[in-house]
Amino acid sequence: MKKFPLFLLFLFLNLHSQQIIHKEEFKKCRKEFSKKICLSDNDKDSILFYLDKCPKENGPLENSGCPFPDTDVDGIIDKDDACPREKGEIYNNGCPWPDTDGDGILDKDDACPTLPGVAEENGCPKRGDCKEYFEKENRELIAFKEKNLNEKQKFISLRKIIFNNVSKVFLASKNIYVSIYVDTFVNDNYTVQCSSRSTLYHDKKLFLDQLFWSEDTFKYIAKNYNKNIFPTIGMHASKIINKNLIREFNKYGYYSFMLDFPEVEAGDKTGLYYPKNKQKPKFDGPTTRLVVNFSQYETGNKVVAEFYEDRYQYFHTYQYIANQWKLIKTEKNRY
């Protein structure tokens, strides 16, 4: 019999404490509703009526008794939804799965999410169909050539600044080996599109090579520095070339003027050269090699002139800034 009065006392004290803790809110409620209503909890969310902003809807205390909204009705409440206005899945934080390439295959199921493809290739392009891909590459190469042909003056001024900054060691050599074809790796970019390899990067660099190493550049070096100039290929300008290779370049309209260069025996090979005078070159002195590397030109307007002599290599980095070339970095390494 004593337990029942104690329970009533506990309930009274509990209700009384609610009134004391939230006294102002309770007073506001009492102006419109009875005490019984103000202390009720009809939506069974454990939040009394006078404290419940949504007394007819079950909601958590952290949202004042109101249910959290779900604007896009995807079953994920807005506070937990990274895309509250777009219906999505819980596994993607409430956002719809993207389809970056627009091929109808969601990125999460797409093995090639940035390339339009087909379902039978798991979202990758249909293999073997290269026509459209290479037509696009060809258009890009044509646009690249047109742009740089219109900026030919840049390459003339580049020639001057490179040789104005040449080291005395370089000038001591009678013969200069220059790489007219630096990046010989043609098939370096595999294309998922058609089980083939892209040559675009290679073709752009070869075009820049021949744009710089024009007949005027050879004349400029021979006239101003009194050197025999040997056109070579490769990253270190070490392989001299003959007329057969020039004929291959000529198929693309490159280096036709070199077909008139005289030939000379250099070791066990025969190579072309641009003569400084009528005398044949001798190979009894130091050899200097020059590579003008355009690998950073398209992305950063940068060109690296690399000089190689018997013991050292020199790197001069130029950048085209405010309509002029500037020397921004120099390095010297022993090798």
C-alpha atoms as a PDB file:
ATOM      1  CA  MET A   1       0.000   0.000   0.000  1.00  0.00           C
ATOM      2  CA  LYS A   2       2.926   2.366   0.595  1.00  0.00           C
ATOM      3  CA  LYS A   3       4.411   1.875  -2.893  1.00  0.00           C
ATOM      4  CA  PHE A   4       1.455   3.449  -4.715  1.00  0.00           C
ATOM      5  CA  PRO A   5       1.594   6.847  -2.882  1.00  0.00           C
ATOM      6  CA  LEU A   6       5.382   6.881  -3.485  1.00  0.00           C
ATOM      7  CA  PHE A   7       4.842   6.408  -7.241  1.00  0.00           C
ATOM      8  CA  LEU A   8       2.378   9.299  -7.306  1.00  0.00           C
ATOM      9  CA  LEU A   9       4.836  11.455  -5.412  1.00  0.00           C
ATOM     10  CA  PHE A  10       7.594  10.606  -7.937  1.00  0.00           C
ATOM     11  CA  LEU A  11       5.305  11.438 -10.870  1.00  0.00           C
ATOM     12  CA  PHE A  12       4.287  14.734  -9.265  1.00  0.00           C
ATOM     13  CA  LEU A  13       7.883  15.731  -8.613  1.00  0.00           C
ATOM     14  CA  ASN A  14       8.868  14.797 -12.165  1.00  0.00           C
ATOM     15  CA  LEU A  15       6.104  16.893 -13.717  1.00  0.00           C
ATOM     16  CA  HIS A  16       6.817  19.705 -11.327  1.00  0.00           C
ATOM     17  CA  SER A  17      10.489  19.666 -12.287  1.00  0.00           C
ATOM     18  CA  GLN A  18       9.551  19.956 -15.991  1.00  0.00           C
ATOM     19  CA  GLN A  19       7.501  23.014 -15.199  1.00  0.00           C
ATOM     20  CA  ILE A  20      10.333  24.599 -13.253  1.00  0.00           C
ATOM     21  CA  ILE A  21      13.053  23.855 -15.810  1.00  0.00           C
ATOM     22  CA  HIS A  22      10.999  25.215 -18.733  1.00  0.00           C
ATOM     23  CA  LYS A  23       8.949  27.701 -16.865  1.00  0.00           C
ATOM     24  CA  GLU A  24       8.580  30.314 -19.618  1.00  0.00           C
ATOM     25  CA  GLU A  25       7.606  27.766 -22.272  1.00  0.00           C
ATOM     26  CA  PHE A  26       5.074  26.223 -19.929  1.00  0.00           C
ATOM     27  CA  LYS A  27       3.504  29.634 -19.193  1.00  0.00           C
ATOM     28  CA  LYS A  28       3.114  30.313 -22.907  1.00  0.00           C
ATOM     29  CA  CYS A  29       1.442  26.949 -23.392  1.00  0.00           C
ATOM     30  CA  ARG A  30      -0.952  27.510 -20.476  1.00  0.00           C
ATOM     31  CA  LYS A  31      -2.229  30.702 -22.081  1.00  0.00           C
ATOM     32  CA  GLU A  32      -3.779  28.593 -24.847  1.00  0.00           C
ATOM     33  CA  PHE A  33      -4.110  25.081 -23.458  1.00  0.00           C
ATOM     34  CA  SER A  34      -4.958  23.302 -20.256  1.00  0.00           C
ATOM     35  CA  LYS A  35      -2.309  21.985 -17.946  1.00  0.00           C
ATOM     36  CA  LYS A  36      -3.228  18.446 -18.931  1.00  0.00           C
ATOM     37  CA  ILE A  37      -2.662  19.155 -22.617  1.00  0.00           C
ATOM     38  CA  CYS A  38       0.582  21.027 -21.982  1.00  0.00           C
ATOM     39  CA  LEU A  39       1.955  18.029 -20.112  1.00  0.00           C
ATOM     40  CA  SER A  40       0.691  15.461 -22.588  1.00  0.00           C
ATOM     41  CA  ASP A  41       2.698  13.518 -25.191  1.00  0.00           C
ATOM     42  CA  ASN A  42       0.221  12.369 -27.811  1.00  0.00           C
ATOM     43  CA  ASP A  43       2.814  11.610 -30.517  1.00  0.00           C
ATOM     44  CA  LYS A  44       4.725   9.343 -28.102  1.00  0.00           C
ATOM     45  CA  ASP A  45       8.131  10.889 -28.781  1.00  0.00           C
ATOM     46  CA  SER A  46       8.857  11.457 -25.061  1.00  0.00           C
ATOM     47  CA  ILE A  47       8.689  15.240 -25.529  1.00  0.00           C
ATOM     48  CA  LEU A  48       5.892  16.983 -23.654  1.00  0.00           C
ATOM     49  CA  PHE A  49       3.367  19.022 -25.587  1.00  0.00           C
ATOM     50  CA  TYR A  50       4.553  22.402 -24.339  1.00  0.00           C
ATOM     51  CA  LEU A  51       8.117  21.658 -25.519  1.00  0.00           C
ATOM     52  CA  ASP A  52       7.153  19.885 -28.739  1.00  0.00           C
ATOM     53  CA  LYS A  53       7.246  22.029 -31.894  1.00  0.00           C
ATOM     54  CA  CYS A  54       5.433  19.240 -33.748  1.00  0.00           C
ATOM     55  CA  PRO A  55       3.113  17.725 -31.120  1.00  0.00           C
ATOM     56  CA  LYS A  56       1.231  15.628 -33.669  1.00  0.00           C
ATOM     57  CA  GLU A  57       4.337  14.175 -35.349  1.00  0.00           C
ATOM     58  CA  ASN A  58       6.863  11.936 -33.690  1.00  0.00           C
ATOM     59  CA  GLY A  59      10.297  13.567 -33.763  1.00  0.00           C
ATOM     60  CA  PRO A  60      13.616  13.593 -31.897  1.00  0.00           C
ATOM     61  CA  LEU A  61      14.534  15.964 -29.104  1.00  0.00           C
ATOM     62  CA  GLU A  62      17.456  17.419 -31.140  1.00  0.00           C
ATOM     63  CA  ASN A  63      14.914  18.735 -33.653  1.00  0.00           C
ATOM     64  CA  SER A  64      12.500  20.018 -30.977  1.00  0.00           C
ATOM     65  CA  GLY A  65      10.127  17.090 -31.409  1.00  0.00           C
ATOM     66  CA  CYS A  66       9.749  17.487 -35.164  1.00  0.00           C
ATOM     67  CA  PRO A  67      10.703  14.816 -37.673  1.00  0.00           C
ATOM     68  CA  PHE A  68      13.726  15.720 -39.782  1.00  0.00           C
ATOM     69  CA  PRO A  69      12.668  16.596 -43.323  1.00  0.00           C
ATOM     70  CA  ASP A  70      13.401  14.408 -46.324  1.00  0.00           C
ATOM     71  CA  THR A  71      12.958  16.900 -49.149  1.00  0.00           C
ATOM     72  CA  ASP A  72      13.766  14.512 -51.996  1.00  0.00           C
ATOM     73  CA  VAL A  73      11.799  11.615 -50.409  1.00  0.00           C
ATOM     74  CA  ASP A  74      14.627   9.128 -50.823  1.00  0.00           C
ATOM     75  CA  GLY A  75      14.389   7.766 -47.296  1.00  0.00           C
ATOM     76  CA  ILE A  76      17.480   9.683 -46.143  1.00  0.00           C
ATOM     77  CA  ILE A  77      16.738  12.680 -43.940  1.00  0.00           C
ATOM     78  CA  ASP A  78      18.176  15.996 -45.074  1.00  0.00           C
ATOM     79  CA  LYS A  79      20.675  16.281 -42.242  1.00  0.00           C
ATOM     80  CA  ASP A  80      22.299  13.020 -43.345  1.00  0.00           C
ATOM     81  CA  ASP A  81      21.776  13.628 -47.070  1.00  0.00           C
ATOM     82  CA  ALA A  82      24.659  15.097 -49.089  1.00  0.00           C
ATOM     83  CA  CYS A  83      22.156  15.859 -51.873  1.00  0.00           C
ATOM     84  CA  PRO A  84      18.930  16.758 -50.024  1.00  0.00           C
ATOM     85  CA  ARG A  85      17.178  17.963 -53.193  1.00  0.00           C
ATOM     86  CA  GLU A  86      18.096  14.989 -55.379  1.00  0.00           C
ATOM     87  CA  LYS A  87      16.876  11.457 -54.780  1.00  0.00           C
ATOM     88  CA  GLY A  88      19.779   9.110 -54.174  1.00  0.00           C
ATOM     89  CA  GLU A  89      20.969   5.986 -52.423  1.00  0.00           C
ATOM     90  CA  ILE A  90      22.196   5.621 -48.880  1.00  0.00           C
ATOM     91  CA  TYR A  91      25.398   4.009 -50.220  1.00  0.00           C
ATOM     92  CA  ASN A  92      26.191   7.270 -52.024  1.00  0.00           C
ATOM     93  CA  ASN A  93      25.328   9.537 -49.064  1.00  0.00           C
ATOM     94  CA  GLY A  94      21.887  10.291 -50.451  1.00  0.00           C
ATOM     95  CA  CYS A  95      23.154  11.476 -53.835  1.00  0.00           C
ATOM     96  CA  PRO A  96      22.261   9.980 -57.199  1.00  0.00           C
ATOM     97  CA  TRP A  97      25.054   7.958 -58.738  1.00  0.00           C
ATOM     98  CA  PRO A  98      26.762  10.063 -61.433  1.00  0.00           C
ATOM     99  CA  ASP A  99      27.123   9.115 -65.074  1.00  0.00           C
ATOM    100  CA  THR A 100      30.087  11.276 -66.034  1.00  0.00           C
ATOM    101  CA  ASP A 101      30.343  10.184 -69.655  1.00  0.00           C
ATOM    102  CA  GLY A 102      26.564  10.163 -70.220  1.00  0.00           C
ATOM    103  CA  ASP A 103      26.475   6.659 -71.662  1.00  0.00           C
ATOM    104  CA  GLY A 104      23.628   5.474 -69.441  1.00  0.00           C
ATOM    105  CA  ILE A 105      25.927   3.360 -67.263  1.00  0.00           C
ATOM    106  CA  LEU A 106      26.414   4.712 -63.756  1.00  0.00           C
ATOM    107  CA  ASP A 107      29.998   5.462 -62.750  1.00  0.00           C
ATOM    108  CA  LYS A 108      29.851   2.847 -60.000  1.00  0.00           C
ATOM    109  CA  ASP A 109      29.186   0.177 -62.627  1.00  0.00           C
ATOM    110  CA  ASP A 110      31.330   1.761 -65.370  1.00  0.00           C
ATOM    111  CA  ALA A 111      34.855   0.476 -65.986  1.00  0.00           C
ATOM    112  CA  CYS A 112      35.518   3.590 -68.109  1.00  0.00           C
ATOM    113  CA  PRO A 113      33.539   6.325 -66.305  1.00  0.00           C
ATOM    114  CA  THR A 114      34.953   9.192 -68.371  1.00  0.00           C
ATOM    115  CA  LEU A 115      34.611   7.528 -71.781  1.00  0.00           C
ATOM    116  CA  PRO A 116      31.195   6.843 -73.388  1.00  0.00           C
ATOM    117  CA  GLY A 117      30.820   3.116 -73.871  1.00  0.00           C
ATOM    118  CA  VAL A 118      28.497   0.155 -74.135  1.00  0.00           C
ATOM    119  CA  ALA A 119      27.119  -2.282 -71.588  1.00  0.00           C
ATOM    120  CA  GLU A 120      28.801  -5.330 -73.150  1.00  0.00           C
ATOM    121  CA  GLU A 121      32.196  -3.698 -72.517  1.00  0.00           C
ATOM    122  CA  ASN A 122      31.271  -2.740 -68.910  1.00  0.00           C
ATOM    123  CA  GLY A 123      30.869   0.888 -69.887  1.00  0.00           C
ATOM    124  CA  CYS A 124      34.013   1.088 -72.028  1.00  0.00           C
ATOM    125  CA  PRO A 125      33.937   1.970 -75.730  1.00  0.00           C
ATOM    126  CA  LYS A 126      33.427  -0.864 -78.147  1.00  0.00           C
ATOM    127  CA  ARG A 127      36.846  -2.239 -78.964  1.00  0.00           C
ATOM    128  CA  GLY A 128      38.150  -2.122 -82.483  1.00  0.00           C
ATOM    129  CA  ASP A 129      36.112   0.932 -83.473  1.00  0.00           C
ATOM    130  CA  CYS A 130      38.898   3.504 -83.903  1.00  0.00           C
ATOM    131  CA  LYS A 131      37.585   5.645 -86.732  1.00  0.00           C
ATOM    132  CA  GLU A 132      35.744   8.256 -84.674  1.00  0.00           C
ATOM    133  CA  TYR A 133      38.471   8.394 -82.030  1.00  0.00           C
ATOM    134  CA  PHE A 134      41.309   9.033 -84.476  1.00  0.00           C
ATOM    135  CA  GLU A 135      39.245  11.481 -86.508  1.00  0.00           C
ATOM    136  CA  LYS A 136      38.870  13.495 -83.310  1.00  0.00           C
ATOM    137  CA  GLU A 137      42.620  13.276 -82.638  1.00  0.00           C
ATOM    138  CA  ASN A 138      43.365  14.388 -86.188  1.00  0.00           C
ATOM    139  CA  ARG A 139      41.124  17.440 -85.799  1.00  0.00           C
ATOM    140  CA  GLU A 140      42.916  18.310 -82.564  1.00  0.00           C
ATOM    141  CA  LEU A 141      46.325  17.971 -84.233  1.00  0.00           C
ATOM    142  CA  ILE A 142      45.268  20.202 -87.146  1.00  0.00           C
ATOM    143  CA  ALA A 143      44.038  22.875 -84.719  1.00  0.00           C
ATOM    144  CA  PHE A 144      47.305  22.579 -82.748  1.00  0.00           C
ATOM    145  CA  LYS A 145      49.380  23.061 -85.898  1.00  0.00           C
ATOM    146  CA  GLU A 146      47.353  26.056 -87.060  1.00  0.00           C
ATOM    147  CA  LYS A 147      47.641  27.733 -83.661  1.00  0.00           C
ATOM    148  CA  ASN A 148      51.411  27.346 -83.468  1.00  0.00           C
ATOM    149  CA  LEU A 149      52.002  28.283 -87.096  1.00  0.00           C
ATOM    150  CA  ASN A 150      50.246  31.554 -86.331  1.00  0.00           C
ATOM    151  CA  GLU A 151      52.660  32.011 -83.411  1.00  0.00           C
ATOM    152  CA  LYS A 152      55.804  31.348 -85.438  1.00  0.00           C
ATOM    153  CA  GLN A 153      57.471  34.485 -84.099  1.00  0.00           C
ATOM    154  CA  LYS A 154      57.618  32.820 -80.668  1.00  0.00           C
ATOM    155  CA  PHE A 155      59.971  30.182 -82.034  1.00  0.00           C
ATOM    156  CA  ILE A 156      62.204  32.741 -83.729  1.00  0.00           C
ATOM    157  CA  SER A 157      62.604  34.664 -80.472  1.00  0.00           C
ATOM    158  CA  LEU A 158      63.128  31.375 -78.605  1.00  0.00           C
ATOM    159  CA  ARG A 159      66.015  30.522 -80.931  1.00  0.00           C
ATOM    160  CA  LYS A 160      67.714  33.819 -80.150  1.00  0.00           C
ATOM    161  CA  ILE A 161      67.366  33.626 -76.373  1.00  0.00           C
ATOM    162  CA  ILE A 162      68.573  30.011 -76.232  1.00  0.00           C
ATOM    163  CA  PHE A 163      71.794  30.806 -78.087  1.00  0.00           C
ATOM    164  CA  ASN A 164      72.290  34.116 -76.288  1.00  0.00           C
ATOM    165  CA  ASN A 165      72.468  32.127 -73.044  1.00  0.00           C
ATOM    166  CA  VAL A 166      74.688  29.371 -74.369  1.00  0.00           C
ATOM    167  CA  SER A 167      77.743  28.530 -72.233  1.00  0.00           C
ATOM    168  CA  LYS A 168      81.341  29.151 -73.321  1.00  0.00           C
ATOM    169  CA  VAL A 169      81.966  25.411 -73.136  1.00  0.00           C
ATOM    170  CA  PHE A 170      79.347  24.941 -75.819  1.00  0.00           C
ATOM    171  CA  LEU A 171      80.970  27.538 -78.090  1.00  0.00           C
ATOM    172  CA  ALA A 172      84.345  25.776 -77.883  1.00  0.00           C
ATOM    173  CA  SER A 173      83.107  22.843 -79.942  1.00  0.00           C
ATOM    174  CA  LYS A 174      83.543  22.775 -83.727  1.00  0.00           C
ATOM    175  CA  ASN A 175      80.594  20.467 -84.253  1.00  0.00           C
ATOM    176  CA  ILE A 176      77.135  20.654 -82.756  1.00  0.00           C
ATOM    177  CA  TYR A 177      74.739  17.718 -82.648  1.00  0.00           C
ATOM    178  CA  VAL A 178      71.125  18.888 -82.446  1.00  0.00           C
ATOM    179  CA  SER A 179      68.096  16.654 -81.927  1.00  0.00           C
ATOM    180  CA  ILE A 180      65.430  17.429 -84.509  1.00  0.00           C
ATOM    181  CA  TYR A 181      63.269  14.528 -83.291  1.00  0.00           C
ATOM    182  CA  VAL A 182      63.412  14.328 -79.505  1.00  0.00           C
ATOM    183  CA  ASP A 183      60.574  12.034 -78.418  1.00  0.00           C
ATOM    184  CA  THR A 184      60.887   8.903 -80.559  1.00  0.00           C
ATOM    185  CA  PHE A 185      58.390   6.911 -78.479  1.00  0.00           C
ATOM    186  CA  VAL A 186      55.417   6.881 -80.850  1.00  0.00           C
ATOM    187  CA  ASN A 187      53.102   4.392 -79.156  1.00  0.00           C
ATOM    188  CA  ASP A 188      53.336   5.639 -75.598  1.00  0.00           C
ATOM    189  CA  ASN A 189      49.646   6.282 -74.858  1.00  0.00           C
ATOM    190  CA  TYR A 190      47.319   3.271 -74.939  1.00  0.00           C
ATOM    191  CA  THR A 191      43.744   4.086 -75.915  1.00  0.00           C
ATOM    192  CA  VAL A 192      41.052   2.069 -74.213  1.00  0.00           C
ATOM    193  CA  GLN A 193      38.695   3.163 -76.971  1.00  0.00           C
ATOM    194  CA  CYS A 194      39.942   0.874 -79.687  1.00  0.00           C
ATOM    195  CA  SER A 195      42.663  -1.482 -78.505  1.00  0.00           C
ATOM    196  CA  SER A 196      45.226   0.770 -80.143  1.00  0.00           C
ATOM    197  CA  ARG A 197      47.665   3.498 -79.198  1.00  0.00           C
ATOM    198  CA  SER A 198      47.395   7.236 -79.517  1.00  0.00           C
ATOM    199  CA  THR A 199      50.126   9.109 -81.403  1.00  0.00           C
ATOM    200  CA  LEU A 200      48.729  12.580 -80.684  1.00  0.00           C
ATOM    201  CA  TYR A 201      51.230  13.525 -77.960  1.00  0.00           C
ATOM    202  CA  HIS A 202      54.133  12.320 -80.112  1.00  0.00           C
ATOM    203  CA  ASP A 203      52.836  14.068 -83.239  1.00  0.00           C
ATOM    204  CA  LYS A 204      52.455  17.390 -81.427  1.00  0.00           C
ATOM    205  CA  LYS A 205      56.016  17.276 -80.129  1.00  0.00           C
ATOM    206  CA  LEU A 206      57.434  16.307 -83.528  1.00  0.00           C
ATOM    207  CA  PHE A 207      55.591  19.255 -85.081  1.00  0.00           C
ATOM    208  CA  LEU A 208      57.122  21.623 -82.511  1.00  0.00           C
ATOM    209  CA  ASP A 209      60.558  20.107 -83.141  1.00  0.00           C
ATOM    210  CA  GLN A 210      60.398  20.821 -86.865  1.00  0.00           C
ATOM    211  CA  LEU A 211      58.871  24.252 -86.285  1.00  0.00           C
ATOM    212  CA  PHE A 212      61.901  25.212 -84.190  1.00  0.00           C
ATOM    213  CA  TRP A 213      64.551  23.436 -86.276  1.00  0.00           C
ATOM    214  CA  SER A 214      63.757  25.292 -89.469  1.00  0.00           C
ATOM    215  CA  GLU A 215      66.282  26.030 -92.193  1.00  0.00           C
ATOM    216  CA  ASP A 216      66.579  29.538 -90.768  1.00  0.00           C
ATOM    217  CA  THR A 217      67.652  28.101 -87.403  1.00  0.00           C
ATOM    218  CA  PHE A 218      70.461  26.116 -89.026  1.00  0.00           C
ATOM    219  CA  LYS A 219      71.582  29.215 -90.933  1.00  0.00           C
ATOM    220  CA  TYR A 220      71.423  31.284 -87.733  1.00  0.00           C
ATOM    221  CA  ILE A 221      73.710  28.901 -85.818  1.00  0.00           C
ATOM    222  CA  ALA A 222      76.169  28.472 -88.671  1.00  0.00           C
ATOM    223  CA  LYS A 223      76.417  32.198 -89.318  1.00  0.00           C
ATOM    224  CA  ASN A 224      76.623  33.429 -85.728  1.00  0.00           C
ATOM    225  CA  TYR A 225      78.668  30.624 -84.177  1.00  0.00           C
ATOM    226  CA  ASN A 226      80.635  29.173 -87.117  1.00  0.00           C
ATOM    227  CA  LYS A 227      79.691  25.542 -86.392  1.00  0.00           C
ATOM    228  CA  ASN A 228      79.017  22.388 -88.347  1.00  0.00           C
ATOM    229  CA  ILE A 229      75.532  21.275 -87.364  1.00  0.00           C
ATOM    230  CA  PHE A 230      74.556  17.592 -87.341  1.00  0.00           C
ATOM    231  CA  PRO A 231      70.820  16.820 -87.144  1.00  0.00           C
ATOM    232  CA  THR A 232      70.214  13.829 -84.863  1.00  0.00           C
ATOM    233  CA  ILE A 233      67.342  12.009 -83.179  1.00  0.00           C
ATOM    234  CA  GLY A 234      66.658  10.984 -79.602  1.00  0.00           C
ATOM    235  CA  MET A 235      66.638  12.459 -76.126  1.00  0.00           C
ATOM    236  CA  HIS A 236      70.430  12.912 -76.022  1.00  0.00           C
ATOM    237  CA  ALA A 237      71.071  13.981 -79.623  1.00  0.00           C
ATOM    238  CA  SER A 238      73.504  11.103 -80.064  1.00  0.00           C
ATOM    239  CA  LYS A 239      72.235   9.352 -83.217  1.00  0.00           C
ATOM    240  CA  ILE A 240      73.119  11.054 -86.481  1.00  0.00           C
ATOM    241  CA  ILE A 241      70.658  10.656 -89.348  1.00  0.00           C
ATOM    242  CA  ASN A 242      70.843  10.049 -93.076  1.00  0.00           C
ATOM    243  CA  LYS A 243      68.726  10.953 -96.081  1.00  0.00           C
ATOM    244  CA  ASN A 244      66.518   7.871 -95.768  1.00  0.00           C
ATOM    245  CA  LEU A 245      65.140   9.107 -92.454  1.00  0.00           C
ATOM    246  CA  ILE A 246      64.713  12.627 -93.816  1.00  0.00           C
ATOM    247  CA  ARG A 247      62.649  11.147 -96.648  1.00  0.00           C
ATOM    248  CA  GLU A 248      60.396   9.564 -94.020  1.00  0.00           C
ATOM    249  CA  PHE A 249      59.954  12.955 -92.333  1.00  0.00           C
ATOM    250  CA  ASN A 250      59.300  14.506 -95.726  1.00  0.00           C
ATOM    251  CA  LYS A 251      56.147  12.385 -96.070  1.00  0.00           C
ATOM    252  CA  TYR A 252      54.682  14.627 -93.373  1.00  0.00           C
ATOM    253  CA  GLY A 253      56.057  17.776 -94.981  1.00  0.00           C
ATOM    254  CA  TYR A 254      58.914  18.056 -92.477  1.00  0.00           C
ATOM    255  CA  TYR A 255      62.616  18.824 -93.014  1.00  0.00           C
ATOM    256  CA  SER A 256      62.608  18.726 -96.828  1.00  0.00           C
ATOM    257  CA  PHE A 257      65.426  21.318 -96.866  1.00  0.00           C
ATOM    258  CA  MET A 258      67.759  18.760 -95.250  1.00  0.00           C
ATOM    259  CA  LEU A 259      67.708  16.616 -98.386  1.00  0.00           C
ATOM    260  CA  ASP A 260      70.216  19.123 -99.789  1.00  0.00           C
ATOM    261  CA  PHE A 261      72.600  18.731 -96.846  1.00  0.00           C
ATOM    262  CA  PRO A 262      75.966  17.114 -97.661  1.00  0.00           C
ATOM    263  CA  GLU A 263      76.873  13.772 -96.107  1.00  0.00           C
ATOM    264  CA  VAL A 264      79.963  12.820 -94.168  1.00  0.00           C
ATOM    265  CA  GLU A 265      81.282   9.641 -92.596  1.00  0.00           C
ATOM    266  CA  ALA A 266      81.249   9.794 -88.799  1.00  0.00           C
ATOM    267  CA  GLY A 267      82.779   6.651 -87.385  1.00  0.00           C
ATOM    268  CA  ASP A 268      81.023   3.668 -88.958  1.00  0.00           C
ATOM    269  CA  LYS A 269      78.006   5.728 -90.034  1.00  0.00           C
ATOM    270  CA  THR A 270      77.154   8.282 -92.662  1.00  0.00           C
ATOM    271  CA  GLY A 271      75.277  11.366 -91.564  1.00  0.00           C
ATOM    272  CA  LEU A 272      73.935  14.639 -92.860  1.00  0.00           C
ATOM    273  CA  TYR A 273      75.246  17.974 -91.653  1.00  0.00           C
ATOM    274  CA  TYR A 274      74.880  21.697 -92.254  1.00  0.00           C
ATOM    275  CA  PRO A 275      78.403  22.977 -93.054  1.00  0.00           C
ATOM    276  CA  LYS A 276      79.960  26.081 -91.580  1.00  0.00           C
ATOM    277  CA  ASN A 277      82.191  26.299 -94.684  1.00  0.00           C
ATOM    278  CA  LYS A 278      83.312  24.209 -97.655  1.00  0.00           C
ATOM    279  CA  GLN A 279      85.730  22.106 -95.616  1.00  0.00           C
ATOM    280  CA  LYS A 280      84.555  18.737 -94.377  1.00  0.00           C
ATOM    281  CA  PRO A 281      84.145  18.514 -90.603  1.00  0.00           C
ATOM    282  CA  LYS A 282      86.786  16.883 -88.422  1.00  0.00           C
ATOM    283  CA  PHE A 283      85.955  14.891 -85.316  1.00  0.00           C
ATOM    284  CA  ASP A 284      89.160  15.434 -83.334  1.00  0.00           C
ATOM    285  CA  GLY A 285      87.798  17.993 -80.868  1.00  0.00           C
ATOM    286  CA  PRO A 286      85.101  18.162 -78.212  1.00  0.00           C
ATOM    287  CA  THR A 287      81.532  17.281 -79.124  1.00  0.00           C
ATOM    288  CA  THR A 288      78.543  19.255 -77.943  1.00  0.00           C
ATOM    289  CA  ARG A 289      74.942  18.129 -78.144  1.00  0.00           C
ATOM    290  CA  LEU A 290      71.772  20.205 -77.873  1.00  0.00           C
ATOM    291  CA  VAL A 291      68.203  19.091 -77.213  1.00  0.00           C
ATOM    292  CA  VAL A 292      65.308  21.552 -77.199  1.00  0.00           C
ATOM    293  CA  ASN A 293      62.623  19.742 -75.230  1.00  0.00           C
ATOM    294  CA  PHE A 294      59.012  20.815 -75.795  1.00  0.00           C
ATOM    295  CA  SER A 295      57.362  18.346 -73.385  1.00  0.00           C
ATOM    296  CA  GLN A 296      56.107  21.186 -71.118  1.00  0.00           C
ATOM    297  CA  TYR A 297      55.232  23.617 -73.886  1.00  0.00           C
ATOM    298  CA  GLU A 298      51.542  22.876 -74.390  1.00  0.00           C
ATOM    299  CA  THR A 299      50.647  22.736 -70.692  1.00  0.00           C
ATOM    300  CA  GLY A 300      52.966  25.365 -69.232  1.00  0.00           C
ATOM    301  CA  ASN A 301      54.447  27.431 -72.078  1.00  0.00           C
ATOM    302  CA  LYS A 302      57.841  26.068 -71.016  1.00  0.00           C
ATOM    303  CA  VAL A 303      60.788  24.826 -73.045  1.00  0.00           C
ATOM    304  CA  VAL A 304      63.967  23.226 -71.705  1.00  0.00           C
ATOM    305  CA  ALA A 305      67.227  23.652 -73.643  1.00  0.00           C
ATOM    306  CA  GLU A 306      69.548  20.780 -72.716  1.00  0.00           C
ATOM    307  CA  PHE A 307      73.265  21.083 -73.514  1.00  0.00           C
ATOM    308  CA  TYR A 308      75.557  18.062 -73.239  1.00  0.00           C
ATOM    309  CA  GLU A 309      79.348  18.083 -73.411  1.00  0.00           C
ATOM    310  CA  ASP A 310      81.975  15.574 -72.324  1.00  0.00           C
ATOM    311  CA  ARG A 311      81.523  15.911 -68.567  1.00  0.00           C
ATOM    312  CA  TYR A 312      78.539  18.114 -67.836  1.00  0.00           C
ATOM    313  CA  GLN A 313      74.951  18.667 -68.819  1.00  0.00           C
ATOM    314  CA  TYR A 314      73.251  22.052 -68.613  1.00  0.00           C
ATOM    315  CA  PHE A 315      69.509  22.666 -68.376  1.00  0.00           C
ATOM    316  CA  HIS A 316      68.042  26.088 -69.168  1.00  0.00           C
ATOM    317  CA  THR A 317      64.286  26.357 -68.647  1.00  0.00           C
ATOM    318  CA  TYR A 318      62.445  29.129 -70.471  1.00  0.00           C
ATOM    319  CA  GLN A 319      58.842  30.213 -70.051  1.00  0.00           C
ATOM    320  CA  TYR A 320      56.766  32.419 -72.320  1.00  0.00           C
ATOM    321  CA  ILE A 321      55.420  35.169 -70.032  1.00  0.00           C
ATOM    322  CA  ALA A 322      53.832  38.479 -71.069  1.00  0.00           C
ATOM    323  CA  ASN A 323      54.683  37.939 -74.744  1.00  0.00           C
ATOM    324  CA  GLN A 324      58.358  37.177 -74.202  1.00  0.00           C
ATOM    325  CA  TRP A 325      60.608  34.274 -73.281  1.00  0.00           C
ATOM    326  CA  LYS A 326      62.245  34.418 -69.870  1.00  0.00           C
ATOM    327  CA  LEU A 327      64.985  32.229 -68.438  1.00  0.00           C
ATOM    328  CA  ILE A 328      63.414  30.952 -65.204  1.00  0.00           C
ATOM    329  CA  LYS A 329      65.780  28.163 -64.149  1.00  0.00           C
ATOM    330  CA  THR A 330      69.324  26.909 -64.799  1.00  0.00           C
ATOM    331  CA  GLU A 331      70.959  23.646 -63.725  1.00  0.00           C
ATOM    332  CA  LYS A 332      74.376  22.090 -64.193  1.00  0.00           C
ATOM    333  CA  ASN A 333      74.998  18.413 -63.505  1.00  0.00           C
ATOM    334  CA  ARG A 334      77.993  16.155 -63.887  1.00  0.00           C
ATOM    335  CA  TYR A 335      77.365  12.876 -65.688  1.00  0.00           C
END
